[in-house]
Amino acid sequence: MLEVEPQEYYPLIHKLFVSEIVEAVDTLGASVRRIRAKVREGKRVLFLTFDVDVVRYSLSSVVDTETIVQGILEKRIQEANSSFGKLYGFRFVLESVTITEDVPRREKREDARLVVSGPQEMEDALRRLGRGLMITLKEWNVPLTSITVTTDDLISPETVSIVLKLAEQIEKAEKDSLKSSVETKARSYAKALLPERLNIQVKVLDPSDKNIAQVMKRAKSIEKEIEELTKNEDLKKLMEALGKSL
């Protein structure tokens, strides 16, 4: 799902930006198909370009996906510059964000899409987990349009997050019941596929959810997350190396 050029910046881009893009797009009623990131080195500056392929399952939303994603990335970069930039003597600059949106034909909407993001060595297991859940949800006649399976960290993940996006609005009690059932099924699959230490979290979204409000709430949490990332030893080593080379 993620392509980074040059490849050595893959851990940095994944750590700082991928989960933000995936979650922002998902709450807007779409799914990320692919993220292409290019990093251009300047004098103590890293210029970033993002091309994001998105699948939108509804034409009803008038939300400008590109504007929302760009806002999230700009916020992320601002906080990263205030922490990593000052600490290691360089800064990030967002050069451009391009969103390519595809709306499947109506007859194809029954085919739910699976999006996976996590450590490269775990991607196959995460994909098998997602496919297992898709089969189960189809048997349960759940109106699923997409399922996203991601980890909270690229190097030492502790949590697997599963987001179900439904094509139809359902009652809150039904949504809570579905969430509980999927968590139980996911934990059952995870025992055979993933390390035991990983937690499983499930979120169920339908057209009734307040998309823009969720995105903006997510933006407010970025500052705290950046502060926590500065304490990550693996990322510190990467940043120190970048600071010396730029």
Protein backbone atom coordinates (compact mmCIF):
# COMPACT_ATOMS: atom_id res chain seq x y z
CA MET A 1 0.00 0.00 0.00
CA LEU A 2 2.89 2.38 0.75
CA GLU A 3 5.61 3.23 -1.76
CA VAL A 4 8.41 5.58 -0.68
CA GLU A 5 11.17 7.08 -2.80
CA PRO A 6 13.99 6.90 -1.75
CA GLN A 7 13.30 3.59 0.03
CA GLU A 8 15.41 4.44 3.09
CA TYR A 9 12.75 6.93 4.16
CA TYR A 10 10.05 4.22 4.35
CA PRO A 11 10.17 3.85 8.19
CA LEU A 12 10.02 7.62 8.68
CA ILE A 13 7.07 8.19 6.34
CA HIS A 14 5.16 5.20 7.69
CA LYS A 15 5.77 6.23 11.30
CA LEU A 16 4.78 9.87 10.95
CA PHE A 17 2.15 10.04 8.22
CA VAL A 18 0.52 6.82 6.96
CA SER A 19 -1.89 6.16 9.81
CA GLU A 20 -3.04 9.81 9.65
CA ILE A 21 -3.84 9.56 5.93
CA VAL A 22 -5.59 6.19 6.23
CA GLU A 23 -7.78 7.27 9.15
CA ALA A 24 -8.65 10.65 7.61
CA VAL A 25 -9.70 9.06 4.32
CA ASP A 26 -11.63 6.28 6.04
CA THR A 27 -13.71 8.71 8.09
CA LEU A 28 -14.60 10.55 4.88
CA GLY A 29 -16.37 7.50 3.48
CA ALA A 30 -13.52 6.15 1.37
CA SER A 31 -10.54 3.79 1.52
CA VAL A 32 -6.88 4.22 0.67
CA ARG A 33 -5.72 2.01 -2.18
CA ARG A 34 -2.11 3.23 -2.39
CA ILE A 35 0.12 5.96 -1.00
CA ARG A 36 3.15 7.12 -2.97
CA ALA A 37 5.53 9.40 -1.08
CA LYS A 38 8.59 11.13 -2.50
CA VAL A 39 11.24 12.70 -0.29
CA ARG A 40 13.55 15.33 -1.76
CA GLU A 41 16.56 16.41 0.27
CA GLY A 42 17.47 20.06 0.55
CA LYS A 43 19.83 21.97 2.81
CA ARG A 44 18.67 20.63 6.19
CA VAL A 45 15.18 20.30 4.69
CA LEU A 46 13.13 17.27 3.62
CA PHE A 47 10.57 18.19 0.94
CA LEU A 48 7.60 15.79 0.91
CA THR A 49 5.20 14.94 -1.92
CA PHE A 50 2.22 12.63 -1.43
CA ASP A 51 0.10 10.96 -4.13
CA VAL A 52 -2.84 9.07 -2.62
CA ASP A 53 -5.14 6.73 -4.56
CA VAL A 54 -8.58 6.62 -2.93
CA VAL A 55 -11.67 4.49 -3.53
CA ARG A 56 -14.88 6.34 -2.63
CA TYR A 57 -17.99 4.27 -2.13
CA SER A 58 -20.53 7.07 -2.24
CA LEU A 59 -21.10 10.19 -4.32
CA SER A 60 -23.29 11.70 -1.62
CA SER A 61 -20.43 13.36 0.28
CA VAL A 62 -19.39 16.84 -0.81
CA VAL A 63 -16.27 16.78 1.35
CA ASP A 64 -13.05 17.84 -0.40
CA THR A 65 -10.83 14.88 0.44
CA GLU A 66 -7.65 16.59 -0.76
CA THR A 67 -8.22 19.63 1.47
CA ILE A 68 -8.87 17.49 4.54
CA VAL A 69 -5.86 15.22 4.00
CA GLN A 70 -3.59 18.19 3.29
CA GLY A 71 -4.76 19.87 6.50
CA ILE A 72 -3.99 16.74 8.53
CA LEU A 73 -0.51 16.44 6.97
CA GLU A 74 0.26 20.13 7.50
CA LYS A 75 -0.68 19.79 11.16
CA ARG A 76 1.48 16.68 11.47
CA ILE A 77 4.46 18.42 9.84
CA GLN A 78 4.05 21.52 12.00
CA GLU A 79 4.27 19.46 15.16
CA ALA A 80 7.13 17.33 13.80
CA ASN A 81 9.14 20.46 13.01
CA SER A 82 8.54 21.78 16.53
CA SER A 83 9.91 18.57 18.04
CA PHE A 84 12.18 16.63 15.69
CA GLY A 85 13.20 19.70 13.71
CA LYS A 86 14.51 21.60 16.71
CA LEU A 87 16.08 18.48 18.19
CA TYR A 88 17.97 17.34 15.08
CA GLY A 89 18.42 20.59 13.19
CA PHE A 90 16.26 20.06 10.09
CA ARG A 91 12.64 20.50 9.03
CA PHE A 92 9.92 19.01 6.85
CA VAL A 93 8.18 20.92 4.06
CA LEU A 94 5.01 19.67 2.34
CA GLU A 95 5.41 20.35 -1.37
CA SER A 96 2.16 18.85 -2.62
CA VAL A 97 -0.70 16.45 -1.94
CA THR A 98 -2.57 14.84 -4.83
CA ILE A 99 -5.69 12.72 -4.31
CA THR A 100 -6.92 10.45 -7.10
CA GLU A 101 -10.46 9.22 -6.40
CA ASP A 102 -12.22 6.27 -7.96
CA VAL A 103 -15.93 5.50 -7.48
CA PRO A 104 -16.67 1.84 -8.36
CA ARG A 105 -19.67 1.09 -10.51
CA ARG A 106 -22.84 0.35 -8.60
CA GLU A 107 -22.80 -3.37 -9.41
CA LYS A 108 -19.34 -3.72 -7.88
CA ARG A 109 -20.22 -2.18 -4.54
CA GLU A 110 -20.99 -5.58 -3.09
CA ASP A 111 -17.30 -6.47 -3.25
CA ALA A 112 -15.82 -5.10 -0.05
CA ARG A 113 -12.26 -3.77 -0.21
CA LEU A 114 -9.48 -4.80 2.15
CA VAL A 115 -6.78 -2.28 3.12
CA VAL A 116 -3.76 -3.44 5.14
CA SER A 117 -0.94 -1.41 6.68
CA GLY A 118 1.71 -2.65 9.12
CA PRO A 119 5.26 -3.98 9.43
CA GLN A 120 6.31 -5.64 6.18
CA GLU A 121 6.94 -8.97 7.89
CA MET A 122 3.37 -8.94 9.29
CA GLU A 123 1.46 -7.77 6.20
CA ASP A 124 0.64 -11.30 4.99
CA ALA A 125 -0.78 -12.28 8.40
CA LEU A 126 -2.76 -9.03 8.63
CA ARG A 127 -4.15 -9.62 5.14
CA ARG A 128 -5.19 -13.17 6.05
CA LEU A 129 -6.87 -11.81 9.19
CA GLY A 130 -8.76 -9.25 7.11
CA ARG A 131 -9.83 -11.80 4.51
CA GLY A 132 -11.09 -14.14 7.20
CA LEU A 133 -13.21 -11.38 8.67
CA MET A 134 -14.55 -10.44 5.22
CA ILE A 135 -15.73 -14.02 4.66
CA THR A 136 -17.39 -14.06 8.08
CA LEU A 137 -19.08 -10.69 7.57
CA LYS A 138 -20.39 -11.82 4.19
CA GLU A 139 -21.89 -14.90 5.86
CA TRP A 140 -23.50 -12.61 8.44
CA ASN A 141 -24.99 -10.48 5.59
CA VAL A 142 -23.26 -7.34 6.85
CA PRO A 143 -23.42 -4.51 4.22
CA LEU A 144 -19.65 -4.02 4.22
CA THR A 145 -17.88 -1.70 1.78
CA SER A 146 -14.37 -1.88 3.22
CA ILE A 147 -12.30 -3.24 6.06
CA THR A 148 -9.02 -1.66 7.16
CA VAL A 149 -6.47 -3.59 9.21
CA THR A 150 -3.57 -1.54 10.55
CA THR A 151 -0.99 -1.58 13.35
CA ASP A 152 -0.13 1.32 15.64
CA ASP A 153 3.61 1.03 15.01
CA LEU A 154 5.89 -0.11 12.19
CA ILE A 155 8.70 -1.45 14.36
CA SER A 156 7.16 -2.63 17.64
CA PRO A 157 3.38 -2.80 17.19
CA GLU A 158 1.18 -3.27 20.24
CA THR A 159 -2.29 -2.90 18.74
CA VAL A 160 -4.08 -4.06 15.60
CA SER A 161 -6.91 -1.71 14.63
CA ILE A 162 -9.77 -3.00 12.48
CA VAL A 163 -12.16 -0.48 10.93
CA LEU A 164 -15.35 -1.69 9.24
CA LYS A 165 -17.11 0.72 6.91
CA LEU A 166 -20.75 -0.12 6.18
CA ALA A 167 -22.80 0.86 3.16
CA GLU A 168 -25.98 1.27 5.19
CA GLN A 169 -26.90 2.96 8.46
CA ILE A 170 -27.67 0.61 11.34
CA GLU A 171 -29.00 1.16 14.85
CA LYS A 172 -26.49 1.89 17.62
CA ALA A 173 -27.36 -1.32 19.48
CA GLU A 174 -26.79 -3.32 16.31
CA LYS A 175 -23.52 -1.51 15.68
CA ASP A 176 -22.30 -2.23 19.23
CA SER A 177 -23.28 -5.89 18.87
CA LEU A 178 -21.44 -6.15 15.55
CA LYS A 179 -18.33 -4.53 17.05
CA SER A 180 -18.31 -7.04 19.92
CA SER A 181 -18.83 -10.01 17.61
CA VAL A 182 -16.08 -8.92 15.23
CA GLU A 183 -13.66 -8.37 18.13
CA THR A 184 -14.33 -11.92 19.34
CA LYS A 185 -13.86 -13.38 15.85
CA ALA A 186 -10.74 -11.28 15.20
CA ARG A 187 -9.11 -12.42 18.44
CA SER A 188 -9.84 -16.01 17.45
CA TYR A 189 -8.11 -15.54 14.08
CA ALA A 190 -5.27 -13.53 15.64
CA LYS A 191 -4.31 -16.40 17.95
CA ALA A 192 -3.23 -18.42 14.93
CA LEU A 193 -1.77 -15.56 12.90
CA LEU A 194 -0.29 -12.86 15.15
CA PRO A 195 1.92 -12.52 18.23
CA GLU A 196 -0.06 -13.00 21.46
CA ARG A 197 0.99 -9.63 22.87
CA LEU A 198 -0.99 -7.68 20.25
CA ASN A 199 -4.26 -6.05 21.29
CA ILE A 200 -7.26 -6.02 18.95
CA GLN A 201 -9.44 -2.92 18.53
CA VAL A 202 -12.50 -2.69 16.29
CA LYS A 203 -14.39 0.37 15.03
CA VAL A 204 -17.62 0.25 13.01
CA LEU A 205 -18.52 3.23 10.81
CA ASP A 206 -21.70 3.80 8.82
CA PRO A 207 -23.05 6.80 6.84
CA SER A 208 -24.49 8.32 10.02
CA ASP A 209 -21.09 9.03 11.54
CA LYS A 210 -19.99 12.64 11.62
CA ASN A 211 -17.08 12.45 9.22
CA ILE A 212 -15.57 15.91 9.34
CA ALA A 213 -15.94 16.17 13.11
CA GLN A 214 -14.01 12.91 13.52
CA VAL A 215 -11.21 14.14 11.27
CA MET A 216 -10.84 17.41 13.17
CA LYS A 217 -10.82 15.60 16.52
CA ARG A 218 -8.03 13.44 15.14
CA ALA A 219 -6.05 16.54 14.20
CA LYS A 220 -6.17 17.78 17.80
CA SER A 221 -4.48 14.60 19.01
CA ILE A 222 -1.50 14.91 16.66
CA GLU A 223 0.53 17.17 18.94
CA LYS A 224 0.43 14.62 21.76
CA GLU A 225 1.38 11.77 19.42
CA ILE A 226 4.36 13.68 18.03
CA GLU A 227 5.58 14.25 21.57
CA GLU A 228 5.37 10.50 22.22
CA LEU A 229 7.19 9.71 18.97
CA THR A 230 10.18 11.79 20.03
CA LYS A 231 10.75 9.22 22.79
CA ASN A 232 10.92 6.29 20.36
CA GLU A 233 14.52 5.03 20.33
CA ASP A 234 14.42 3.59 16.79
CA LEU A 235 13.06 6.83 15.38
CA LYS A 236 15.64 8.81 17.35
CA LYS A 237 18.47 6.89 15.67
CA LEU A 238 16.94 7.51 12.25
CA MET A 239 16.52 11.22 12.95
CA GLU A 240 20.07 11.55 14.27
CA ALA A 241 21.40 9.94 11.08
CA LEU A 242 19.27 12.23 8.91
CA GLY A 243 20.37 15.30 10.85
CA LYS A 244 24.01 14.46 10.23
CA SER A 245 23.57 13.71 6.53
CA LEU A 246 21.46 16.73 5.49
